[in-house]
Amino acid sequence: MNYVYYSKVLGYGGYKEGDLMERRTRRVRLGRHLTIKSEYLSAIMRGEKITTIRRGIVVPLYDRVYLHSGGKIVGEVEIESTRYLRVKNLTNKDALLDGFKSKRELIAHLRKYYPDLNDDDWITILKFRLIKRISGEEIEEDSTYCGYSPVEIARLALAYGIFQSSEKRRILALVLTRGSIREAALELGGLHRRGIVRRVLREAVEKLIEHGFIKPKSSSKG
Protein backbone atom coordinates (compact mmCIF):
# COMPACT_ATOMS: atom_id res chain seq x y z
CA MET A 1 0.00 0.00 0.00
CA ASN A 2 1.19 3.48 -0.83
CA TYR A 3 1.20 5.92 2.07
CA VAL A 4 1.22 9.70 2.05
CA TYR A 5 4.42 10.11 4.01
CA TYR A 6 5.00 12.91 6.50
CA SER A 7 8.48 13.36 5.03
CA LYS A 8 7.04 14.47 1.71
CA VAL A 9 6.12 17.86 3.11
CA LEU A 10 9.01 18.58 5.46
CA GLY A 11 10.56 21.81 4.39
CA TYR A 12 7.35 22.95 2.62
CA GLY A 13 7.35 26.73 2.33
CA GLY A 14 10.89 26.94 3.71
CA TYR A 15 9.96 25.53 7.14
CA LYS A 16 12.03 22.85 8.84
CA GLU A 17 10.98 19.80 10.78
CA GLY A 18 11.64 21.51 14.06
CA ASP A 19 9.05 24.14 13.25
CA LEU A 20 6.41 21.43 12.78
CA MET A 21 7.16 20.07 16.20
CA GLU A 22 6.09 23.21 18.02
CA ARG A 23 4.61 22.28 21.36
CA ARG A 24 1.19 23.83 20.74
CA THR A 25 0.67 22.26 17.33
CA ARG A 26 -2.00 19.59 17.30
CA ARG A 27 -0.89 16.39 15.56
CA VAL A 28 -3.40 13.75 14.46
CA ARG A 29 -3.11 10.61 12.36
CA LEU A 30 -5.95 10.14 9.87
CA GLY A 31 -7.21 6.59 9.63
CA ARG A 32 -9.76 5.06 7.28
CA HIS A 33 -12.46 7.70 7.75
CA LEU A 34 -12.43 11.36 6.75
CA THR A 35 -15.21 13.16 8.60
CA ILE A 36 -16.93 16.01 6.76
CA LYS A 37 -19.62 18.35 8.05
CA SER A 38 -22.93 17.61 6.31
CA GLU A 39 -23.17 21.22 5.12
CA TYR A 40 -20.20 20.61 2.79
CA LEU A 41 -21.34 17.29 1.38
CA SER A 42 -23.30 18.61 -1.60
CA ALA A 43 -20.36 20.73 -2.75
CA ILE A 44 -18.07 17.69 -2.55
CA MET A 45 -20.48 15.54 -4.54
CA ARG A 46 -20.69 18.29 -7.20
CA GLY A 47 -16.90 18.56 -7.36
CA GLU A 48 -16.91 22.16 -6.14
CA LYS A 49 -14.98 21.33 -2.96
CA ILE A 50 -11.91 19.12 -3.43
CA THR A 51 -9.96 19.93 -0.26
CA THR A 52 -10.55 19.96 3.44
CA ILE A 53 -8.55 22.09 5.86
CA ARG A 54 -7.82 20.91 9.38
CA ARG A 55 -6.13 22.62 12.26
CA GLY A 56 -2.73 21.24 13.19
CA ILE A 57 -0.68 18.51 11.53
CA VAL A 58 -2.85 15.73 10.12
CA VAL A 59 -0.93 12.71 8.83
CA PRO A 60 -2.92 10.41 6.50
CA LEU A 61 -2.11 6.73 6.93
CA TYR A 62 -3.88 5.62 3.75
CA ASP A 63 -4.26 6.88 0.19
CA ARG A 64 -7.93 5.89 0.08
CA VAL A 65 -10.34 6.67 2.88
CA TYR A 66 -14.08 6.60 3.47
CA LEU A 67 -16.01 9.85 3.52
CA HIS A 68 -18.00 9.99 6.72
CA SER A 69 -20.81 12.54 7.16
CA GLY A 70 -23.93 12.73 9.28
CA GLY A 71 -22.99 9.54 11.09
CA LYS A 72 -22.81 7.54 7.85
CA ILE A 73 -20.30 6.45 5.24
CA VAL A 74 -21.30 8.36 2.11
CA GLY A 75 -18.39 7.84 -0.26
CA GLU A 76 -14.80 6.85 -0.87
CA VAL A 77 -12.08 9.37 -1.74
CA GLU A 78 -8.44 9.23 -2.74
CA ILE A 79 -6.12 11.66 -0.97
CA GLU A 80 -4.02 13.18 -3.73
CA SER A 81 -1.82 15.51 -1.70
CA THR A 82 -1.14 16.76 1.81
CA ARG A 83 0.21 20.22 2.57
CA TYR A 84 1.21 21.83 5.85
CA LEU A 85 1.31 25.60 6.16
CA ARG A 86 0.45 28.43 8.48
CA VAL A 87 -2.89 30.20 8.33
CA LYS A 88 -1.21 33.39 7.11
CA ASN A 89 0.15 31.53 4.07
CA LEU A 90 -3.27 30.55 2.73
CA THR A 91 -4.09 31.91 -0.73
CA ASN A 92 -7.18 32.70 -2.75
CA LYS A 93 -6.49 29.56 -4.77
CA ASP A 94 -6.64 27.50 -1.58
CA ALA A 95 -9.99 29.11 -0.82
CA LEU A 96 -11.42 28.28 -4.27
CA LEU A 97 -10.36 24.64 -4.02
CA ASP A 98 -12.07 24.47 -0.63
CA GLY A 99 -15.31 25.87 -2.02
CA PHE A 100 -14.96 29.50 -0.91
CA LYS A 101 -14.75 32.73 -2.90
CA SER A 102 -11.72 34.25 -1.24
CA LYS A 103 -9.00 33.76 1.37
CA ARG A 104 -10.83 36.17 3.68
CA GLU A 105 -14.05 34.15 3.48
CA LEU A 106 -12.16 30.90 4.06
CA ILE A 107 -10.33 32.16 7.15
CA ALA A 108 -13.55 33.61 8.58
CA HIS A 109 -15.15 30.18 8.16
CA LEU A 110 -12.21 28.39 9.75
CA ARG A 111 -12.44 30.68 12.76
CA LYS A 112 -16.10 29.75 13.10
CA TYR A 113 -14.94 26.24 14.02
CA TYR A 114 -11.63 27.20 15.62
CA PRO A 115 -12.38 30.49 17.46
CA ASP A 116 -8.84 30.84 18.82
CA LEU A 117 -7.14 30.18 15.46
CA ASN A 118 -4.38 32.71 14.77
CA ASP A 119 -2.25 33.56 11.74
CA ASP A 120 0.77 31.59 12.94
CA ASP A 121 -1.10 28.35 13.62
CA TRP A 122 -0.28 25.31 11.49
CA ILE A 123 -3.01 23.81 9.33
CA THR A 124 -3.23 20.84 6.99
CA ILE A 125 -4.77 20.93 3.52
CA LEU A 126 -5.90 17.52 2.29
CA LYS A 127 -6.68 17.45 -1.43
CA PHE A 128 -8.88 14.55 -2.44
CA ARG A 129 -10.73 13.03 -5.38
CA LEU A 130 -14.15 11.43 -5.04
CA ILE A 131 -13.88 7.85 -6.27
CA LYS A 132 -17.37 6.59 -5.54
CA ARG A 133 -20.55 7.44 -3.75
CA ILE A 134 -21.87 4.94 -1.25
CA SER A 135 -25.60 4.71 -0.61
CA GLY A 136 -27.18 3.59 2.61
CA GLU A 137 -28.03 0.22 1.06
CA GLU A 138 -24.35 -0.53 0.50
CA ILE A 139 -23.40 -0.01 4.15
CA GLU A 140 -23.61 -2.68 6.78
CA GLU A 141 -25.97 -1.82 9.62
CA ASP A 142 -23.22 -1.41 12.22
CA SER A 143 -21.44 1.15 10.00
CA THR A 144 -23.82 3.79 11.37
CA TYR A 145 -21.68 3.78 14.52
CA CYS A 146 -18.53 2.48 12.81
CA GLY A 147 -18.78 -0.95 14.37
CA TYR A 148 -19.42 0.24 17.95
CA SER A 149 -22.63 -0.37 19.85
CA PRO A 150 -24.68 2.63 21.01
CA VAL A 151 -23.67 1.85 24.60
CA GLU A 152 -19.96 1.81 23.67
CA ILE A 153 -20.28 5.17 21.89
CA ALA A 154 -22.12 6.68 24.85
CA ARG A 155 -19.49 5.42 27.30
CA LEU A 156 -16.56 6.71 25.23
CA ALA A 157 -18.19 10.06 24.51
CA LEU A 158 -18.84 10.65 28.20
CA ALA A 159 -15.37 9.47 29.19
CA TYR A 160 -13.67 11.88 26.78
CA GLY A 161 -16.06 14.74 27.54
CA ILE A 162 -16.71 15.60 23.90
CA PHE A 163 -19.98 17.44 24.55
CA GLN A 164 -20.41 20.63 26.57
CA SER A 165 -24.19 20.46 26.22
CA SER A 166 -25.76 19.08 29.40
CA GLU A 167 -28.73 17.77 27.40
CA LYS A 168 -26.50 15.75 25.07
CA ARG A 169 -24.58 14.39 28.04
CA ARG A 170 -27.89 13.42 29.65
CA ILE A 171 -28.95 11.55 26.51
CA LEU A 172 -25.64 9.68 26.39
CA ALA A 173 -25.97 8.83 30.08
CA LEU A 174 -29.45 7.39 29.45
CA VAL A 175 -28.14 5.21 26.61
CA LEU A 176 -25.35 4.01 28.88
CA THR A 177 -27.50 3.29 31.92
CA ARG A 178 -30.62 1.99 30.14
CA GLY A 179 -28.62 -0.09 27.67
CA SER A 180 -30.33 0.81 24.38
CA ILE A 181 -31.60 3.60 22.16
CA ARG A 182 -35.17 2.39 22.68
CA GLU A 183 -35.01 2.53 26.47
CA ALA A 184 -33.28 5.91 26.42
CA ALA A 185 -36.02 7.28 24.15
CA LEU A 186 -38.74 5.97 26.45
CA GLU A 187 -37.06 7.72 29.37
CA LEU A 188 -37.05 10.94 27.34
CA GLY A 189 -40.77 10.74 26.69
CA GLY A 190 -41.51 8.07 24.10
CA LEU A 191 -40.30 6.08 21.12
CA HIS A 192 -40.71 9.13 18.89
CA ARG A 193 -37.58 10.43 20.65
CA ARG A 194 -35.39 7.74 19.10
CA GLY A 195 -34.38 10.09 16.29
CA ILE A 196 -33.00 12.58 18.81
CA VAL A 197 -30.97 9.87 20.53
CA ARG A 198 -29.60 8.60 17.22
CA ARG A 199 -28.56 12.11 16.14
CA VAL A 200 -26.62 12.62 19.36
CA LEU A 201 -24.92 9.24 18.92
CA ARG A 202 -24.00 9.99 15.29
CA GLU A 203 -22.54 13.34 16.30
CA ALA A 204 -20.61 11.61 19.07
CA VAL A 205 -19.15 9.13 16.56
CA GLU A 206 -18.00 11.98 14.30
CA LYS A 207 -16.34 13.84 17.15
CA LEU A 208 -14.66 10.73 18.56
CA ILE A 209 -13.19 9.90 15.15
CA GLU A 210 -12.26 13.50 14.37
CA HIS A 211 -10.31 13.84 17.62
CA GLY A 212 -8.62 10.48 17.19
CA PHE A 213 -10.24 8.87 20.24
CA ILE A 214 -11.54 5.90 18.26
CA LYS A 215 -10.92 4.19 14.94
CA PRO A 216 -13.79 2.62 12.95
CA LYS A 217 -14.07 -1.09 13.65
CA SER A 218 -16.56 -1.90 10.91
CA SER A 219 -15.21 -3.52 7.75
CA SER A 220 -16.55 -1.27 5.00
CA LYS A 221 -16.45 -2.29 1.34
CA GLY A 222 -13.42 -1.43 -0.71
C-alpha atoms as a PDB file:
ATOM      1  CA  MET A   1       0.000   0.000   0.000  1.00  0.00           C
ATOM      2  CA  ASN A   2       1.192   3.483  -0.830  1.00  0.00           C
ATOM      3  CA  TYR A   3       1.203   5.917   2.073  1.00  0.00           C
ATOM      4  CA  VAL A   4       1.215   9.700   2.051  1.00  0.00           C
ATOM      5  CA  TYR A   5       4.416  10.112   4.011  1.00  0.00           C
ATOM      6  CA  TYR A   6       4.996  12.907   6.502  1.00  0.00           C
ATOM      7  CA  SER A   7       8.478  13.357   5.029  1.00  0.00           C
ATOM      8  CA  LYS A   8       7.040  14.475   1.710  1.00  0.00           C
ATOM      9  CA  VAL A   9       6.121  17.862   3.112  1.00  0.00           C
ATOM     10  CA  LEU A  10       9.006  18.579   5.456  1.00  0.00           C
ATOM     11  CA  GLY A  11      10.555  21.814   4.390  1.00  0.00           C
ATOM     12  CA  TYR A  12       7.348  22.953   2.624  1.00  0.00           C
ATOM     13  CA  GLY A  13       7.350  26.731   2.328  1.00  0.00           C
ATOM     14  CA  GLY A  14      10.887  26.937   3.713  1.00  0.00           C
ATOM     15  CA  TYR A  15       9.956  25.532   7.137  1.00  0.00           C
ATOM     16  CA  LYS A  16      12.027  22.850   8.837  1.00  0.00           C
ATOM     17  CA  GLU A  17      10.978  19.797  10.776  1.00  0.00           C
ATOM     18  CA  GLY A  18      11.637  21.514  14.064  1.00  0.00           C
ATOM     19  CA  ASP A  19       9.047  24.135  13.252  1.00  0.00           C
ATOM     20  CA  LEU A  20       6.409  21.434  12.776  1.00  0.00           C
ATOM     21  CA  MET A  21       7.163  20.066  16.201  1.00  0.00           C
ATOM     22  CA  GLU A  22       6.091  23.213  18.021  1.00  0.00           C
ATOM     23  CA  ARG A  23       4.607  22.278  21.358  1.00  0.00           C
ATOM     24  CA  ARG A  24       1.193  23.831  20.745  1.00  0.00           C
ATOM     25  CA  THR A  25       0.673  22.259  17.329  1.00  0.00           C
ATOM     26  CA  ARG A  26      -2.002  19.585  17.300  1.00  0.00           C
ATOM     27  CA  ARG A  27      -0.890  16.393  15.564  1.00  0.00           C
ATOM     28  CA  VAL A  28      -3.398  13.749  14.464  1.00  0.00           C
ATOM     29  CA  ARG A  29      -3.114  10.614  12.360  1.00  0.00           C
ATOM     30  CA  LEU A  30      -5.949  10.140   9.872  1.00  0.00           C
ATOM     31  CA  GLY A  31      -7.213   6.586   9.630  1.00  0.00           C
ATOM     32  CA  ARG A  32      -9.755   5.062   7.275  1.00  0.00           C
ATOM     33  CA  HIS A  33     -12.455   7.703   7.753  1.00  0.00           C
ATOM     34  CA  LEU A  34     -12.435  11.364   6.748  1.00  0.00           C
ATOM     35  CA  THR A  35     -15.212  13.163   8.598  1.00  0.00           C
ATOM     36  CA  ILE A  36     -16.935  16.013   6.761  1.00  0.00           C
ATOM     37  CA  LYS A  37     -19.621  18.352   8.052  1.00  0.00           C
ATOM     38  CA  SER A  38     -22.929  17.608   6.307  1.00  0.00           C
ATOM     39  CA  GLU A  39     -23.175  21.218   5.122  1.00  0.00           C
ATOM     40  CA  TYR A  40     -20.204  20.607   2.794  1.00  0.00           C
ATOM     41  CA  LEU A  41     -21.341  17.285   1.382  1.00  0.00           C
ATOM     42  CA  SER A  42     -23.302  18.611  -1.597  1.00  0.00           C
ATOM     43  CA  ALA A  43     -20.355  20.729  -2.747  1.00  0.00           C
ATOM     44  CA  ILE A  44     -18.073  17.689  -2.547  1.00  0.00           C
ATOM     45  CA  MET A  45     -20.481  15.545  -4.545  1.00  0.00           C
ATOM     46  CA  ARG A  46     -20.693  18.288  -7.203  1.00  0.00           C
ATOM     47  CA  GLY A  47     -16.900  18.555  -7.358  1.00  0.00           C
ATOM     48  CA  GLU A  48     -16.908  22.159  -6.136  1.00  0.00           C
ATOM     49  CA  LYS A  49     -14.982  21.329  -2.963  1.00  0.00           C
ATOM     50  CA  ILE A  50     -11.906  19.119  -3.429  1.00  0.00           C
ATOM     51  CA  THR A  51      -9.961  19.930  -0.261  1.00  0.00           C
ATOM     52  CA  THR A  52     -10.550  19.960   3.442  1.00  0.00           C
ATOM     53  CA  ILE A  53      -8.549  22.094   5.859  1.00  0.00           C
ATOM     54  CA  ARG A  54      -7.824  20.907   9.376  1.00  0.00           C
ATOM     55  CA  ARG A  55      -6.126  22.622  12.258  1.00  0.00           C
ATOM     56  CA  GLY A  56      -2.731  21.237  13.187  1.00  0.00           C
ATOM     57  CA  ILE A  57      -0.684  18.512  11.528  1.00  0.00           C
ATOM     58  CA  VAL A  58      -2.851  15.729  10.118  1.00  0.00           C
ATOM     59  CA  VAL A  59      -0.925  12.713   8.827  1.00  0.00           C
ATOM     60  CA  PRO A  60      -2.919  10.408   6.497  1.00  0.00           C
ATOM     61  CA  LEU A  61      -2.114   6.729   6.929  1.00  0.00           C
ATOM     62  CA  TYR A  62      -3.876   5.619   3.747  1.00  0.00           C
ATOM     63  CA  ASP A  63      -4.260   6.885   0.192  1.00  0.00           C
ATOM     64  CA  ARG A  64      -7.933   5.894   0.084  1.00  0.00           C
ATOM     65  CA  VAL A  65     -10.344   6.675   2.878  1.00  0.00           C
ATOM     66  CA  TYR A  66     -14.079   6.602   3.466  1.00  0.00           C
ATOM     67  CA  LEU A  67     -16.006   9.851   3.518  1.00  0.00           C
ATOM     68  CA  HIS A  68     -18.000   9.991   6.720  1.00  0.00           C
ATOM     69  CA  SER A  69     -20.806  12.539   7.164  1.00  0.00           C
ATOM     70  CA  GLY A  70     -23.926  12.729   9.280  1.00  0.00           C
ATOM     71  CA  GLY A  71     -22.986   9.544  11.088  1.00  0.00           C
ATOM     72  CA  LYS A  72     -22.805   7.538   7.852  1.00  0.00           C
ATOM     73  CA  ILE A  73     -20.296   6.446   5.241  1.00  0.00           C
ATOM     74  CA  VAL A  74     -21.304   8.361   2.114  1.00  0.00           C
ATOM     75  CA  GLY A  75     -18.386   7.836  -0.256  1.00  0.00           C
ATOM     76  CA  GLU A  76     -14.800   6.846  -0.874  1.00  0.00           C
ATOM     77  CA  VAL A  77     -12.079   9.368  -1.736  1.00  0.00           C
ATOM     78  CA  GLU A  78      -8.443   9.230  -2.735  1.00  0.00           C
ATOM     79  CA  ILE A  79      -6.122  11.656  -0.972  1.00  0.00           C
ATOM     80  CA  GLU A  80      -4.015  13.182  -3.732  1.00  0.00           C
ATOM     81  CA  SER A  81      -1.816  15.512  -1.700  1.00  0.00           C
ATOM     82  CA  THR A  82      -1.140  16.756   1.808  1.00  0.00           C
ATOM     83  CA  ARG A  83       0.209  20.221   2.565  1.00  0.00           C
ATOM     84  CA  TYR A  84       1.213  21.830   5.847  1.00  0.00           C
ATOM     85  CA  LEU A  85       1.308  25.601   6.161  1.00  0.00           C
ATOM     86  CA  ARG A  86       0.453  28.432   8.484  1.00  0.00           C
ATOM     87  CA  VAL A  87      -2.889  30.204   8.335  1.00  0.00           C
ATOM     88  CA  LYS A  88      -1.209  33.395   7.106  1.00  0.00           C
ATOM     89  CA  ASN A  89       0.153  31.533   4.068  1.00  0.00           C
ATOM     90  CA  LEU A  90      -3.271  30.551   2.730  1.00  0.00           C
ATOM     91  CA  THR A  91      -4.090  31.908  -0.729  1.00  0.00           C
ATOM     92  CA  ASN A  92      -7.180  32.700  -2.749  1.00  0.00           C
ATOM     93  CA  LYS A  93      -6.494  29.558  -4.770  1.00  0.00           C
ATOM     94  CA  ASP A  94      -6.637  27.502  -1.582  1.00  0.00           C
ATOM     95  CA  ALA A  95      -9.992  29.109  -0.822  1.00  0.00           C
ATOM     96  CA  LEU A  96     -11.415  28.276  -4.266  1.00  0.00           C
ATOM     97  CA  LEU A  97     -10.361  24.637  -4.016  1.00  0.00           C
ATOM     98  CA  ASP A  98     -12.069  24.466  -0.631  1.00  0.00           C
ATOM     99  CA  GLY A  99     -15.313  25.868  -2.023  1.00  0.00           C
ATOM    100  CA  PHE A 100     -14.962  29.500  -0.907  1.00  0.00           C
ATOM    101  CA  LYS A 101     -14.751  32.726  -2.904  1.00  0.00           C
ATOM    102  CA  SER A 102     -11.715  34.251  -1.235  1.00  0.00           C
ATOM    103  CA  LYS A 103      -9.004  33.763   1.366  1.00  0.00           C
ATOM    104  CA  ARG A 104     -10.833  36.166   3.682  1.00  0.00           C
ATOM    105  CA  GLU A 105     -14.051  34.154   3.479  1.00  0.00           C
ATOM    106  CA  LEU A 106     -12.161  30.902   4.060  1.00  0.00           C
ATOM    107  CA  ILE A 107     -10.330  32.163   7.146  1.00  0.00           C
ATOM    108  CA  ALA A 108     -13.548  33.605   8.581  1.00  0.00           C
ATOM    109  CA  HIS A 109     -15.151  30.183   8.161  1.00  0.00           C
ATOM    110  CA  LEU A 110     -12.207  28.387   9.753  1.00  0.00           C
ATOM    111  CA  ARG A 111     -12.444  30.680  12.759  1.00  0.00           C
ATOM    112  CA  LYS A 112     -16.101  29.749  13.098  1.00  0.00           C
ATOM    113  CA  TYR A 113     -14.945  26.236  14.021  1.00  0.00           C
ATOM    114  CA  TYR A 114     -11.629  27.203  15.616  1.00  0.00           C
ATOM    115  CA  PRO A 115     -12.381  30.490  17.456  1.00  0.00           C
ATOM    116  CA  ASP A 116      -8.843  30.840  18.815  1.00  0.00           C
ATOM    117  CA  LEU A 117      -7.144  30.177  15.460  1.00  0.00           C
ATOM    118  CA  ASN A 118      -4.381  32.714  14.767  1.00  0.00           C
ATOM    119  CA  ASP A 119      -2.255  33.562  11.739  1.00  0.00           C
ATOM    120  CA  ASP A 120       0.769  31.593  12.941  1.00  0.00           C
ATOM    121  CA  ASP A 121      -1.102  28.350  13.617  1.00  0.00           C
ATOM    122  CA  TRP A 122      -0.275  25.313  11.494  1.00  0.00           C
ATOM    123  CA  ILE A 123      -3.011  23.809   9.326  1.00  0.00           C
ATOM    124  CA  THR A 124      -3.228  20.840   6.988  1.00  0.00           C
ATOM    125  CA  ILE A 125      -4.772  20.934   3.519  1.00  0.00           C
ATOM    126  CA  LEU A 126      -5.901  17.524   2.287  1.00  0.00           C
ATOM    127  CA  LYS A 127      -6.682  17.446  -1.426  1.00  0.00           C
ATOM    128  CA  PHE A 128      -8.884  14.550  -2.439  1.00  0.00           C
ATOM    129  CA  ARG A 129     -10.731  13.030  -5.381  1.00  0.00           C
ATOM    130  CA  LEU A 130     -14.149  11.427  -5.037  1.00  0.00           C
ATOM    131  CA  ILE A 131     -13.882   7.849  -6.265  1.00  0.00           C
ATOM    132  CA  LYS A 132     -17.370   6.591  -5.536  1.00  0.00           C
ATOM    133  CA  ARG A 133     -20.545   7.444  -3.745  1.00  0.00           C
ATOM    134  CA  ILE A 134     -21.875   4.939  -1.247  1.00  0.00           C
ATOM    135  CA  SER A 135     -25.595   4.712  -0.612  1.00  0.00           C
ATOM    136  CA  GLY A 136     -27.176   3.588   2.614  1.00  0.00           C
ATOM    137  CA  GLU A 137     -28.029   0.222   1.058  1.00  0.00           C
ATOM    138  CA  GLU A 138     -24.353  -0.532   0.502  1.00  0.00           C
ATOM    139  CA  ILE A 139     -23.397  -0.006   4.145  1.00  0.00           C
ATOM    140  CA  GLU A 140     -23.609  -2.685   6.779  1.00  0.00           C
ATOM    141  CA  GLU A 141     -25.972  -1.819   9.617  1.00  0.00           C
ATOM    142  CA  ASP A 142     -23.215  -1.407  12.221  1.00  0.00           C
ATOM    143  CA  SER A 143     -21.436   1.151  10.004  1.00  0.00           C
ATOM    144  CA  THR A 144     -23.815   3.788  11.373  1.00  0.00           C
ATOM    145  CA  TYR A 145     -21.680   3.784  14.520  1.00  0.00           C
ATOM    146  CA  CYS A 146     -18.532   2.475  12.811  1.00  0.00           C
ATOM    147  CA  GLY A 147     -18.784  -0.949  14.375  1.00  0.00           C
ATOM    148  CA  TYR A 148     -19.424   0.238  17.948  1.00  0.00           C
ATOM    149  CA  SER A 149     -22.625  -0.372  19.848  1.00  0.00           C
ATOM    150  CA  PRO A 150     -24.678   2.635  21.006  1.00  0.00           C
ATOM    151  CA  VAL A 151     -23.669   1.854  24.603  1.00  0.00           C
ATOM    152  CA  GLU A 152     -19.957   1.813  23.667  1.00  0.00           C
ATOM    153  CA  ILE A 153     -20.275   5.166  21.894  1.00  0.00           C
ATOM    154  CA  ALA A 154     -22.120   6.677  24.851  1.00  0.00           C
ATOM    155  CA  ARG A 155     -19.490   5.422  27.299  1.00  0.00           C
ATOM    156  CA  LEU A 156     -16.564   6.708  25.226  1.00  0.00           C
ATOM    157  CA  ALA A 157     -18.186  10.062  24.506  1.00  0.00           C
ATOM    158  CA  LEU A 158     -18.840  10.649  28.196  1.00  0.00           C
ATOM    159  CA  ALA A 159     -15.372   9.468  29.191  1.00  0.00           C
ATOM    160  CA  TYR A 160     -13.670  11.876  26.776  1.00  0.00           C
ATOM    161  CA  GLY A 161     -16.061  14.741  27.541  1.00  0.00           C
ATOM    162  CA  ILE A 162     -16.713  15.596  23.895  1.00  0.00           C
ATOM    163  CA  PHE A 163     -19.981  17.440  24.554  1.00  0.00           C
ATOM    164  CA  GLN A 164     -20.411  20.628  26.570  1.00  0.00           C
ATOM    165  CA  SER A 165     -24.188  20.457  26.220  1.00  0.00           C
ATOM    166  CA  SER A 166     -25.758  19.083  29.398  1.00  0.00           C
ATOM    167  CA  GLU A 167     -28.732  17.767  27.403  1.00  0.00           C
ATOM    168  CA  LYS A 168     -26.501  15.752  25.068  1.00  0.00           C
ATOM    169  CA  ARG A 169     -24.583  14.388  28.039  1.00  0.00           C
ATOM    170  CA  ARG A 170     -27.892  13.425  29.647  1.00  0.00           C
ATOM    171  CA  ILE A 171     -28.952  11.546  26.508  1.00  0.00           C
ATOM    172  CA  LEU A 172     -25.641   9.682  26.392  1.00  0.00           C
ATOM    173  CA  ALA A 173     -25.966   8.825  30.077  1.00  0.00           C
ATOM    174  CA  LEU A 174     -29.448   7.395  29.447  1.00  0.00           C
ATOM    175  CA  VAL A 175     -28.141   5.206  26.610  1.00  0.00           C
ATOM    176  CA  LEU A 176     -25.354   4.007  28.877  1.00  0.00           C
ATOM    177  CA  THR A 177     -27.497   3.288  31.924  1.00  0.00           C
ATOM    178  CA  ARG A 178     -30.623   1.991  30.137  1.00  0.00           C
ATOM    179  CA  GLY A 179     -28.617  -0.085  27.672  1.00  0.00           C
ATOM    180  CA  SER A 180     -30.330   0.806  24.384  1.00  0.00           C
ATOM    181  CA  ILE A 181     -31.602   3.603  22.163  1.00  0.00           C
ATOM    182  CA  ARG A 182     -35.169   2.389  22.680  1.00  0.00           C
ATOM    183  CA  GLU A 183     -35.015   2.531  26.470  1.00  0.00           C
ATOM    184  CA  ALA A 184     -33.278   5.914  26.424  1.00  0.00           C
ATOM    185  CA  ALA A 185     -36.019   7.280  24.149  1.00  0.00           C
ATOM    186  CA  LEU A 186     -38.741   5.973  26.448  1.00  0.00           C
ATOM    187  CA  GLU A 187     -37.056   7.715  29.368  1.00  0.00           C
ATOM    188  CA  LEU A 188     -37.048  10.938  27.336  1.00  0.00           C
ATOM    189  CA  GLY A 189     -40.775  10.738  26.689  1.00  0.00           C
ATOM    190  CA  GLY A 190     -41.512   8.074  24.099  1.00  0.00           C
ATOM    191  CA  LEU A 191     -40.296   6.084  21.120  1.00  0.00           C
ATOM    192  CA  HIS A 192     -40.710   9.125  18.893  1.00  0.00           C
ATOM    193  CA  ARG A 193     -37.578  10.432  20.651  1.00  0.00           C
ATOM    194  CA  ARG A 194     -35.385   7.743  19.102  1.00  0.00           C
ATOM    195  CA  GLY A 195     -34.380  10.089  16.290  1.00  0.00           C
ATOM    196  CA  ILE A 196     -33.003  12.585  18.812  1.00  0.00           C
ATOM    197  CA  VAL A 197     -30.971   9.869  20.528  1.00  0.00           C
ATOM    198  CA  ARG A 198     -29.604   8.597  17.224  1.00  0.00           C
ATOM    199  CA  ARG A 199     -28.565  12.107  16.141  1.00  0.00           C
ATOM    200  CA  VAL A 200     -26.617  12.617  19.359  1.00  0.00           C
ATOM    201  CA  LEU A 201     -24.917   9.239  18.925  1.00  0.00           C
ATOM    202  CA  ARG A 202     -23.999   9.988  15.294  1.00  0.00           C
ATOM    203  CA  GLU A 203     -22.543  13.338  16.303  1.00  0.00           C
ATOM    204  CA  ALA A 204     -20.612  11.608  19.073  1.00  0.00           C
ATOM    205  CA  VAL A 205     -19.147   9.134  16.565  1.00  0.00           C
ATOM    206  CA  GLU A 206     -18.003  11.983  14.299  1.00  0.00           C
ATOM    207  CA  LYS A 207     -16.341  13.837  17.145  1.00  0.00           C
ATOM    208  CA  LEU A 208     -14.664  10.730  18.563  1.00  0.00           C
ATOM    209  CA  ILE A 209     -13.192   9.905  15.150  1.00  0.00           C
ATOM    210  CA  GLU A 210     -12.263  13.501  14.368  1.00  0.00           C
ATOM    211  CA  HIS A 211     -10.307  13.837  17.616  1.00  0.00           C
ATOM    212  CA  GLY A 212      -8.616  10.477  17.192  1.00  0.00           C
ATOM    213  CA  PHE A 213     -10.238   8.874  20.241  1.00  0.00           C
ATOM    214  CA  ILE A 214     -11.545   5.901  18.256  1.00  0.00           C
ATOM    215  CA  LYS A 215     -10.923   4.191  14.937  1.00  0.00           C
ATOM    216  CA  PRO A 216     -13.789   2.625  12.955  1.00  0.00           C
ATOM    217  CA  LYS A 217     -14.069  -1.092  13.654  1.00  0.00           C
ATOM    218  CA  SER A 218     -16.563  -1.902  10.914  1.00  0.00           C
ATOM    219  CA  SER A 219     -15.213  -3.518   7.745  1.00  0.00           C
ATOM    220  CA  SER A 220     -16.554  -1.270   4.997  1.00  0.00           C
ATOM    221  CA  LYS A 221     -16.450  -2.293   1.337  1.00  0.00           C
ATOM    222  CA  GLY A 222     -13.416  -1.432  -0.705  1.00  0.00           C
END
